[in-house]
C-alpha cells in the first residue's frame, strides 16, 4: 500500500511501478493497489475540477454562437455533464 501521495517527484517512480505491476490484471490485490493509487492521487477531485471547467467553457461557447439554437447543444451538454458512467 502507498502511504503518501504520489505527486512528489521522488515518489513518481513508485507510482509508475505500481501501475506497471498491477494495471489491467484480473487480480483482487492488483485492483486494490490501483484503486489505492487512484485515491492517493486524488484523481476523482482532479477530474471533477476539470469537468467543471470544461462544462463552463463549453457553456460559454454555446451561448456565444449564433448559428444553431442554444437548446440543441445545451441539451447534449446536460446529458453528459456529471454523468456517473
C-alpha atoms as a PDB file:
ATOM      1  CA  UNK A   1       0.000   0.000   0.000  1.00  0.00           C
ATOM      2  CA  UNK A   2       1.198   3.509  -0.737  1.00  0.00           C
ATOM      3  CA  UNK A   3       1.434   5.662   2.358  1.00  0.00           C
ATOM      4  CA  UNK A   4       1.923   9.095   0.780  1.00  0.00           C
ATOM      5  CA  UNK A   5       0.605  10.951  -2.227  1.00  0.00           C
ATOM      6  CA  UNK A   6       2.500  10.192  -5.420  1.00  0.00           C
ATOM      7  CA  UNK A   7       2.538  13.790  -6.511  1.00  0.00           C
ATOM      8  CA  UNK A   8       6.093  14.460  -5.350  1.00  0.00           C
ATOM      9  CA  UNK A   9       8.773  13.884  -7.956  1.00  0.00           C
ATOM     10  CA  UNK A  10      10.600  11.471  -5.673  1.00  0.00           C
ATOM     11  CA  UNK A  11       7.542   9.232  -5.483  1.00  0.00           C
ATOM     12  CA  UNK A  12       6.637   9.310  -9.170  1.00  0.00           C
ATOM     13  CA  UNK A  13       8.750   6.218  -9.877  1.00  0.00           C
ATOM     14  CA  UNK A  14       6.775   4.393  -7.182  1.00  0.00           C
ATOM     15  CA  UNK A  15       3.501   5.358  -8.860  1.00  0.00           C
ATOM     16  CA  UNK A  16       4.769   4.138 -12.213  1.00  0.00           C
ATOM     17  CA  UNK A  17       5.922   0.868 -10.644  1.00  0.00           C
ATOM     18  CA  UNK A  18       2.516   0.322  -9.020  1.00  0.00           C
ATOM     19  CA  UNK A  19       0.797   0.910 -12.358  1.00  0.00           C
ATOM     20  CA  UNK A  20       3.188  -1.301 -14.320  1.00  0.00           C
ATOM     21  CA  UNK A  21       2.895  -4.114 -11.788  1.00  0.00           C
ATOM     22  CA  UNK A  22      -0.867  -4.004 -11.305  1.00  0.00           C
ATOM     23  CA  UNK A  23      -2.825  -2.258 -14.060  1.00  0.00           C
ATOM     24  CA  UNK A  24      -5.025  -4.432 -16.266  1.00  0.00           C
ATOM     25  CA  UNK A  25      -4.588  -7.627 -14.263  1.00  0.00           C
ATOM     26  CA  UNK A  26      -7.573  -9.693 -13.198  1.00  0.00           C
ATOM     27  CA  UNK A  27      -6.466  -9.980  -9.599  1.00  0.00           C
ATOM     28  CA  UNK A  28      -8.129  -8.524  -6.496  1.00  0.00           C
ATOM     29  CA  UNK A  29      -4.809  -7.424  -4.968  1.00  0.00           C
ATOM     30  CA  UNK A  30      -3.820  -5.652  -8.190  1.00  0.00           C
ATOM     31  CA  UNK A  31      -7.194  -3.954  -8.392  1.00  0.00           C
ATOM     32  CA  UNK A  32      -6.852  -2.837  -4.781  1.00  0.00           C
ATOM     33  CA  UNK A  33      -3.372  -1.379  -5.453  1.00  0.00           C
ATOM     34  CA  UNK A  34      -4.617   0.630  -8.447  1.00  0.00           C
ATOM     35  CA  UNK A  35      -7.634   1.897  -6.507  1.00  0.00           C
ATOM     36  CA  UNK A  36      -5.358   2.947  -3.629  1.00  0.00           C
ATOM     37  CA  UNK A  37      -3.167   4.844  -6.076  1.00  0.00           C
ATOM     38  CA  UNK A  38      -6.270   6.496  -7.526  1.00  0.00           C
ATOM     39  CA  UNK A  39      -7.242   7.650  -4.038  1.00  0.00           C
ATOM     40  CA  UNK A  40      -3.676   8.729  -3.143  1.00  0.00           C
ATOM     41  CA  UNK A  41      -3.506  10.879  -6.261  1.00  0.00           C
ATOM     42  CA  UNK A  42      -6.980  12.289  -5.556  1.00  0.00           C
ATOM     43  CA  UNK A  43      -7.862  11.704  -9.202  1.00  0.00           C
ATOM     44  CA  UNK A  44     -11.604  11.992  -8.656  1.00  0.00           C
ATOM     45  CA  UNK A  45     -11.280  15.555  -7.348  1.00  0.00           C
ATOM     46  CA  UNK A  46      -8.886  16.443 -10.157  1.00  0.00           C
ATOM     47  CA  UNK A  47     -11.337  15.049 -12.718  1.00  0.00           C
ATOM     48  CA  UNK A  48     -14.306  16.879 -11.146  1.00  0.00           C
ATOM     49  CA  UNK A  49     -12.400  20.169 -11.329  1.00  0.00           C
ATOM     50  CA  UNK A  50     -11.510  19.501 -14.970  1.00  0.00           C
ATOM     51  CA  UNK A  51     -15.106  18.534 -15.737  1.00  0.00           C
ATOM     52  CA  UNK A  52     -16.477  21.735 -14.181  1.00  0.00           C
ATOM     53  CA  UNK A  53     -14.001  23.945 -16.051  1.00  0.00           C
ATOM     54  CA  UNK A  54     -14.775  22.177 -19.335  1.00  0.00           C
ATOM     55  CA  UNK A  55     -18.510  22.496 -18.727  1.00  0.00           C
ATOM     56  CA  UNK A  56     -18.256  26.236 -18.087  1.00  0.00           C
ATOM     57  CA  UNK A  57     -16.100  26.725 -21.184  1.00  0.00           C
ATOM     58  CA  UNK A  58     -18.475  24.751 -23.419  1.00  0.00           C
ATOM     59  CA  UNK A  59     -21.487  26.525 -21.953  1.00  0.00           C
ATOM     60  CA  UNK A  60     -19.918  29.907 -22.799  1.00  0.00           C
ATOM     61  CA  UNK A  61     -19.148  28.758 -26.351  1.00  0.00           C
ATOM     62  CA  UNK A  62     -22.726  27.535 -26.804  1.00  0.00           C
ATOM     63  CA  UNK A  63     -24.150  30.811 -25.539  1.00  0.00           C
ATOM     64  CA  UNK A  64     -21.828  32.901 -27.739  1.00  0.00           C
ATOM     65  CA  UNK A  65     -22.522  31.121 -31.025  1.00  0.00           C
ATOM     66  CA  UNK A  66     -25.415  32.255 -33.203  1.00  0.00           C
ATOM     67  CA  UNK A  67     -25.629  29.620 -35.941  1.00  0.00           C
ATOM     68  CA  UNK A  68     -27.683  26.996 -34.121  1.00  0.00           C
ATOM     69  CA  UNK A  69     -30.288  27.080 -31.354  1.00  0.00           C
ATOM     70  CA  UNK A  70     -28.692  27.136 -27.897  1.00  0.00           C
ATOM     71  CA  UNK A  71     -31.053  24.484 -26.563  1.00  0.00           C
ATOM     72  CA  UNK A  72     -29.739  21.962 -29.110  1.00  0.00           C
ATOM     73  CA  UNK A  73     -26.222  21.910 -27.655  1.00  0.00           C
ATOM     74  CA  UNK A  74     -27.392  22.716 -24.145  1.00  0.00           C
ATOM     75  CA  UNK A  75     -29.459  19.536 -24.066  1.00  0.00           C
ATOM     76  CA  UNK A  76     -26.473  17.432 -25.158  1.00  0.00           C
ATOM     77  CA  UNK A  77     -24.193  19.104 -22.637  1.00  0.00           C
ATOM     78  CA  UNK A  78     -26.694  18.497 -19.846  1.00  0.00           C
ATOM     79  CA  UNK A  79     -26.818  14.787 -20.731  1.00  0.00           C
ATOM     80  CA  UNK A  80     -23.075  14.289 -20.352  1.00  0.00           C
ATOM     81  CA  UNK A  81     -22.319  16.700 -17.509  1.00  0.00           C
ATOM     82  CA  UNK A  82     -21.708  14.932 -14.177  1.00  0.00           C
ATOM     83  CA  UNK A  83     -22.725  11.556 -15.502  1.00  0.00           C
ATOM     84  CA  UNK A  84     -21.603   8.585 -13.498  1.00  0.00           C
ATOM     85  CA  UNK A  85     -20.682   6.246 -16.335  1.00  0.00           C
END
